[in-house]
């Protein structure tokens, strides 16, 4: 098996541990067992739990960026509208929601890992800020919607959710969908 394949398998295993058992159960031993490799094999790819977490966060923001770019393409090239659409968690599978919740918990438990996400978010904010103030408001509101949905803090549902999503797209530019 190629080195990249093993690394990807280990990241998938780490996500599976977080989904199944929560962020507190993310140990190198648990990930190695889930992936079916020795702990030494895991340490060959990730020298520490912190390095594994950093790689998980980078994989997470890489995936989010791909989703933003794909949605932006559907939205006529608007990065802001792509960001808003990609941020809407209403269509996520339960496994995605559990993984993101676990990563959020891991970020809180080890703030040094946040550096992996901060620079990417700063770059996205610079792109948005160049467009307009309302675009930045749309990004911050979309992030808020993501958080309340992820944590189950009374997210809007039904018609209200559709109206909120439409308003966010209006703020992001180009009118409602």
C-alpha atoms as a PDB file:
ATOM      1  CA  UNK A   1       0.000   0.000   0.000  1.00  0.00           C
ATOM      2  CA  UNK A   2       1.357   3.442  -0.893  1.00  0.00           C
ATOM      3  CA  UNK A   3       2.370   5.832   1.892  1.00  0.00           C
ATOM      4  CA  UNK A   4      -0.375   8.320   0.930  1.00  0.00           C
ATOM      5  CA  UNK A   5      -2.978   5.558   1.059  1.00  0.00           C
ATOM      6  CA  UNK A   6      -1.944   4.556   4.578  1.00  0.00           C
ATOM      7  CA  UNK A   7      -1.953   8.166   5.728  1.00  0.00           C
ATOM      8  CA  UNK A   8      -5.459   8.670   4.294  1.00  0.00           C
ATOM      9  CA  UNK A   9      -6.606   5.430   5.923  1.00  0.00           C
ATOM     10  CA  UNK A  10      -5.263   6.635   9.274  1.00  0.00           C
ATOM     11  CA  UNK A  11      -7.104   9.957   8.926  1.00  0.00           C
ATOM     12  CA  UNK A  12     -10.303   8.077   8.060  1.00  0.00           C
ATOM     13  CA  UNK A  13      -9.760   5.842  11.088  1.00  0.00           C
ATOM     14  CA  UNK A  14      -9.258   8.871  13.338  1.00  0.00           C
ATOM     15  CA  UNK A  15     -12.511  10.376  12.044  1.00  0.00           C
ATOM     16  CA  UNK A  16     -14.270   7.051  12.677  1.00  0.00           C
ATOM     17  CA  UNK A  17     -13.010   6.991  16.286  1.00  0.00           C
ATOM     18  CA  UNK A  18     -14.258  10.553  16.824  1.00  0.00           C
ATOM     19  CA  UNK A  19     -17.660   9.740  15.275  1.00  0.00           C
ATOM     20  CA  UNK A  20     -18.090   6.545  17.247  1.00  0.00           C
ATOM     21  CA  UNK A  21     -16.586   7.437  20.626  1.00  0.00           C
ATOM     22  CA  UNK A  22     -16.140  11.216  20.734  1.00  0.00           C
ATOM     23  CA  UNK A  23     -13.074  13.464  20.684  1.00  0.00           C
ATOM     24  CA  UNK A  24     -11.979  12.414  24.185  1.00  0.00           C
ATOM     25  CA  UNK A  25     -11.445   8.859  22.892  1.00  0.00           C
ATOM     26  CA  UNK A  26      -9.082   9.940  20.126  1.00  0.00           C
ATOM     27  CA  UNK A  27      -5.862   8.224  21.123  1.00  0.00           C
ATOM     28  CA  UNK A  28      -3.056   6.920  18.950  1.00  0.00           C
ATOM     29  CA  UNK A  29      -3.820   3.389  20.151  1.00  0.00           C
ATOM     30  CA  UNK A  30      -7.515   3.727  19.215  1.00  0.00           C
ATOM     31  CA  UNK A  31      -6.671   5.075  15.753  1.00  0.00           C
ATOM     32  CA  UNK A  32      -4.088   2.348  15.105  1.00  0.00           C
ATOM     33  CA  UNK A  33      -6.587  -0.328  16.134  1.00  0.00           C
ATOM     34  CA  UNK A  34      -9.335   1.206  13.978  1.00  0.00           C
ATOM     35  CA  UNK A  35      -6.989   1.352  10.961  1.00  0.00           C
ATOM     36  CA  UNK A  36      -5.620  -2.142  11.558  1.00  0.00           C
ATOM     37  CA  UNK A  37      -2.007  -0.982  11.835  1.00  0.00           C
ATOM     38  CA  UNK A  38       0.522  -1.089  14.619  1.00  0.00           C
ATOM     39  CA  UNK A  39       1.073   1.966  16.769  1.00  0.00           C
ATOM     40  CA  UNK A  40       4.555   2.126  15.266  1.00  0.00           C
ATOM     41  CA  UNK A  41       2.999   2.198  11.808  1.00  0.00           C
ATOM     42  CA  UNK A  42       0.807   5.095  12.860  1.00  0.00           C
ATOM     43  CA  UNK A  43       3.799   6.917  14.395  1.00  0.00           C
ATOM     44  CA  UNK A  44       5.634   6.587  11.088  1.00  0.00           C
ATOM     45  CA  UNK A  45       2.975   8.878   9.553  1.00  0.00           C
ATOM     46  CA  UNK A  46       2.054  11.011  12.594  1.00  0.00           C
ATOM     47  CA  UNK A  47       4.677  11.517  15.307  1.00  0.00           C
ATOM     48  CA  UNK A  48       2.112  12.614  17.908  1.00  0.00           C
ATOM     49  CA  UNK A  49      -1.568  13.002  18.595  1.00  0.00           C
ATOM     50  CA  UNK A  50      -1.155  16.735  17.982  1.00  0.00           C
ATOM     51  CA  UNK A  51       0.306  16.063  14.530  1.00  0.00           C
ATOM     52  CA  UNK A  52      -2.603  13.710  13.783  1.00  0.00           C
ATOM     53  CA  UNK A  53      -5.113  16.355  14.912  1.00  0.00           C
ATOM     54  CA  UNK A  54      -3.378  18.998  12.789  1.00  0.00           C
ATOM     55  CA  UNK A  55      -3.615  16.705   9.751  1.00  0.00           C
ATOM     56  CA  UNK A  56      -7.304  16.057  10.483  1.00  0.00           C
ATOM     57  CA  UNK A  57      -8.006  19.787  10.690  1.00  0.00           C
ATOM     58  CA  UNK A  58      -6.093  20.456   7.459  1.00  0.00           C
ATOM     59  CA  UNK A  59      -8.032  17.685   5.714  1.00  0.00           C
ATOM     60  CA  UNK A  60     -11.255  19.233   7.072  1.00  0.00           C
ATOM     61  CA  UNK A  61     -10.484  22.756   5.796  1.00  0.00           C
ATOM     62  CA  UNK A  62      -9.197  21.350   2.477  1.00  0.00           C
ATOM     63  CA  UNK A  63     -12.512  19.535   2.007  1.00  0.00           C
ATOM     64  CA  UNK A  64     -14.468  22.652   2.984  1.00  0.00           C
ATOM     65  CA  UNK A  65     -12.468  24.722   0.491  1.00  0.00           C
ATOM     66  CA  UNK A  66     -13.249  22.206  -2.278  1.00  0.00           C
ATOM     67  CA  UNK A  67     -16.930  22.460  -1.362  1.00  0.00           C
ATOM     68  CA  UNK A  68     -16.752  26.276  -1.418  1.00  0.00           C
ATOM     69  CA  UNK A  69     -15.090  26.283  -4.837  1.00  0.00           C
ATOM     70  CA  UNK A  70     -17.610  23.771  -6.254  1.00  0.00           C
ATOM     71  CA  UNK A  71     -20.544  25.792  -4.909  1.00  0.00           C
ATOM     72  CA  UNK A  72     -18.952  29.021  -6.177  1.00  0.00           C
ATOM     73  CA  UNK A  73     -18.730  27.528  -9.646  1.00  0.00           C
ATOM     74  CA  UNK A  74     -22.459  26.736  -9.484  1.00  0.00           C
ATOM     75  CA  UNK A  75     -23.067  30.303  -8.301  1.00  0.00           C
ATOM     76  CA  UNK A  76     -21.413  31.955 -11.297  1.00  0.00           C
ATOM     77  CA  UNK A  77     -17.981  32.180  -9.706  1.00  0.00           C
ATOM     78  CA  UNK A  78     -19.041  34.050  -6.558  1.00  0.00           C
ATOM     79  CA  UNK A  79     -16.765  32.945  -3.729  1.00  0.00           C
ATOM     80  CA  UNK A  80     -19.102  34.560  -1.188  1.00  0.00           C
ATOM     81  CA  UNK A  81     -22.184  32.689  -2.414  1.00  0.00           C
ATOM     82  CA  UNK A  82     -20.137  29.496  -2.594  1.00  0.00           C
ATOM     83  CA  UNK A  83     -19.023  30.019   1.010  1.00  0.00           C
ATOM     84  CA  UNK A  84     -22.605  30.516   2.186  1.00  0.00           C
ATOM     85  CA  UNK A  85     -23.867  27.440   0.314  1.00  0.00           C
ATOM     86  CA  UNK A  86     -20.995  25.226   1.470  1.00  0.00           C
ATOM     87  CA  UNK A  87     -21.500  26.380   5.077  1.00  0.00           C
ATOM     88  CA  UNK A  88     -25.120  25.229   5.229  1.00  0.00           C
ATOM     89  CA  UNK A  89     -25.090  22.001   7.263  1.00  0.00           C
ATOM     90  CA  UNK A  90     -28.759  21.150   6.646  1.00  0.00           C
ATOM     91  CA  UNK A  91     -27.892  18.538   4.024  1.00  0.00           C
ATOM     92  CA  UNK A  92     -25.026  16.881   5.878  1.00  0.00           C
ATOM     93  CA  UNK A  93     -25.076  13.234   6.805  1.00  0.00           C
ATOM     94  CA  UNK A  94     -25.009  12.427  10.504  1.00  0.00           C
ATOM     95  CA  UNK A  95     -21.456  11.052  10.151  1.00  0.00           C
ATOM     96  CA  UNK A  96     -20.207  14.401   8.802  1.00  0.00           C
ATOM     97  CA  UNK A  97     -21.896  16.253  11.643  1.00  0.00           C
ATOM     98  CA  UNK A  98     -20.361  13.905  14.250  1.00  0.00           C
ATOM     99  CA  UNK A  99     -16.889  14.259  12.735  1.00  0.00           C
ATOM    100  CA  UNK A 100     -17.116  18.063  12.665  1.00  0.00           C
ATOM    101  CA  UNK A 101     -18.407  18.113  16.235  1.00  0.00           C
ATOM    102  CA  UNK A 102     -15.476  15.940  17.294  1.00  0.00           C
ATOM    103  CA  UNK A 103     -12.975  18.147  15.476  1.00  0.00           C
ATOM    104  CA  UNK A 104     -14.470  21.233  17.119  1.00  0.00           C
ATOM    105  CA  UNK A 105     -14.091  19.552  20.510  1.00  0.00           C
ATOM    106  CA  UNK A 106     -10.496  18.609  19.676  1.00  0.00           C
ATOM    107  CA  UNK A 107      -9.718  22.204  18.679  1.00  0.00           C
ATOM    108  CA  UNK A 108     -11.042  23.418  21.995  1.00  0.00           C
ATOM    109  CA  UNK A 109      -9.057  20.777  23.878  1.00  0.00           C
ATOM    110  CA  UNK A 110      -5.810  21.670  22.057  1.00  0.00           C
ATOM    111  CA  UNK A 111      -5.940  25.264  20.784  1.00  0.00           C
ATOM    112  CA  UNK A 112      -2.460  25.008  19.226  1.00  0.00           C
ATOM    113  CA  UNK A 113      -4.068  22.884  16.516  1.00  0.00           C
ATOM    114  CA  UNK A 114      -6.226  25.895  15.590  1.00  0.00           C
ATOM    115  CA  UNK A 115      -3.292  27.378  13.699  1.00  0.00           C
ATOM    116  CA  UNK A 116      -3.973  24.869  10.930  1.00  0.00           C
ATOM    117  CA  UNK A 117      -7.406  26.400  10.333  1.00  0.00           C
ATOM    118  CA  UNK A 118      -6.723  30.041  11.197  1.00  0.00           C
ATOM    119  CA  UNK A 119      -4.538  30.859   8.204  1.00  0.00           C
ATOM    120  CA  UNK A 120      -7.069  29.358   5.797  1.00  0.00           C
ATOM    121  CA  UNK A 121      -9.969  31.284   7.329  1.00  0.00           C
ATOM    122  CA  UNK A 122      -7.886  34.468   7.215  1.00  0.00           C
ATOM    123  CA  UNK A 123      -7.249  33.936   3.503  1.00  0.00           C
ATOM    124  CA  UNK A 124     -10.959  33.324   2.859  1.00  0.00           C
ATOM    125  CA  UNK A 125     -11.842  36.441   4.845  1.00  0.00           C
ATOM    126  CA  UNK A 126      -9.432  38.518   2.748  1.00  0.00           C
ATOM    127  CA  UNK A 127     -11.186  37.302  -0.426  1.00  0.00           C
ATOM    128  CA  UNK A 128     -14.583  38.121   1.039  1.00  0.00           C
ATOM    129  CA  UNK A 129     -13.541  41.470   2.463  1.00  0.00           C
ATOM    130  CA  UNK A 130     -12.388  42.584  -0.956  1.00  0.00           C
ATOM    131  CA  UNK A 131     -15.958  42.169  -2.205  1.00  0.00           C
ATOM    132  CA  UNK A 132     -18.150  44.105   0.273  1.00  0.00           C
ATOM    133  CA  UNK A 133     -19.191  44.516   3.908  1.00  0.00           C
ATOM    134  CA  UNK A 134     -22.433  42.596   3.346  1.00  0.00           C
ATOM    135  CA  UNK A 135     -20.400  39.650   2.073  1.00  0.00           C
ATOM    136  CA  UNK A 136     -18.486  39.546   5.352  1.00  0.00           C
ATOM    137  CA  UNK A 137     -21.777  39.756   7.264  1.00  0.00           C
ATOM    138  CA  UNK A 138     -23.044  36.806   5.199  1.00  0.00           C
ATOM    139  CA  UNK A 139     -19.894  34.790   6.041  1.00  0.00           C
ATOM    140  CA  UNK A 140     -20.195  35.486   9.756  1.00  0.00           C
ATOM    141  CA  UNK A 141     -23.913  34.661   9.750  1.00  0.00           C
ATOM    142  CA  UNK A 142     -23.254  31.445   7.783  1.00  0.00           C
ATOM    143  CA  UNK A 143     -20.603  30.477  10.344  1.00  0.00           C
ATOM    144  CA  UNK A 144     -23.120  31.177  13.116  1.00  0.00           C
ATOM    145  CA  UNK A 145     -25.743  29.009  11.412  1.00  0.00           C
ATOM    146  CA  UNK A 146     -23.165  26.229  11.118  1.00  0.00           C
ATOM    147  CA  UNK A 147     -22.370  26.440  14.840  1.00  0.00           C
ATOM    148  CA  UNK A 148     -25.995  26.488  16.045  1.00  0.00           C
ATOM    149  CA  UNK A 149     -26.824  23.586  13.756  1.00  0.00           C
ATOM    150  CA  UNK A 150     -23.742  21.593  14.746  1.00  0.00           C
ATOM    151  CA  UNK A 151     -24.362  22.089  18.462  1.00  0.00           C
ATOM    152  CA  UNK A 152     -28.145  21.842  18.247  1.00  0.00           C
ATOM    153  CA  UNK A 153     -28.612  25.326  19.702  1.00  0.00           C
ATOM    154  CA  UNK A 154     -32.080  25.944  18.274  1.00  0.00           C
ATOM    155  CA  UNK A 155     -31.231  26.202  14.581  1.00  0.00           C
ATOM    156  CA  UNK A 156     -33.986  27.540  12.340  1.00  0.00           C
ATOM    157  CA  UNK A 157     -36.032  24.854  10.600  1.00  0.00           C
ATOM    158  CA  UNK A 158     -38.549  24.544   7.807  1.00  0.00           C
ATOM    159  CA  UNK A 159     -39.665  27.746   6.112  1.00  0.00           C
ATOM    160  CA  UNK A 160     -37.597  29.905   8.460  1.00  0.00           C
ATOM    161  CA  UNK A 161     -34.416  28.040   7.523  1.00  0.00           C
ATOM    162  CA  UNK A 162     -35.170  28.505   3.829  1.00  0.00           C
ATOM    163  CA  UNK A 163     -35.744  32.224   4.369  1.00  0.00           C
ATOM    164  CA  UNK A 164     -32.504  32.559   6.362  1.00  0.00           C
ATOM    165  CA  UNK A 165     -30.556  30.717   3.633  1.00  0.00           C
ATOM    166  CA  UNK A 166     -32.083  32.935   0.933  1.00  0.00           C
ATOM    167  CA  UNK A 167     -31.238  36.082   2.910  1.00  0.00           C
ATOM    168  CA  UNK A 168     -27.647  34.938   3.399  1.00  0.00           C
ATOM    169  CA  UNK A 169     -27.318  34.390  -0.346  1.00  0.00           C
ATOM    170  CA  UNK A 170     -28.732  37.889  -0.951  1.00  0.00           C
ATOM    171  CA  UNK A 171     -26.125  39.344   1.426  1.00  0.00           C
ATOM    172  CA  UNK A 172     -23.439  37.350  -0.355  1.00  0.00           C
ATOM    173  CA  UNK A 173     -24.386  39.114  -3.574  1.00  0.00           C
ATOM    174  CA  UNK A 174     -26.361  38.449  -6.686  1.00  0.00           C
ATOM    175  CA  UNK A 175     -29.820  38.209  -5.132  1.00  0.00           C
ATOM    176  CA  UNK A 176     -31.686  35.184  -3.856  1.00  0.00           C
ATOM    177  CA  UNK A 177     -31.332  31.745  -5.522  1.00  0.00           C
END
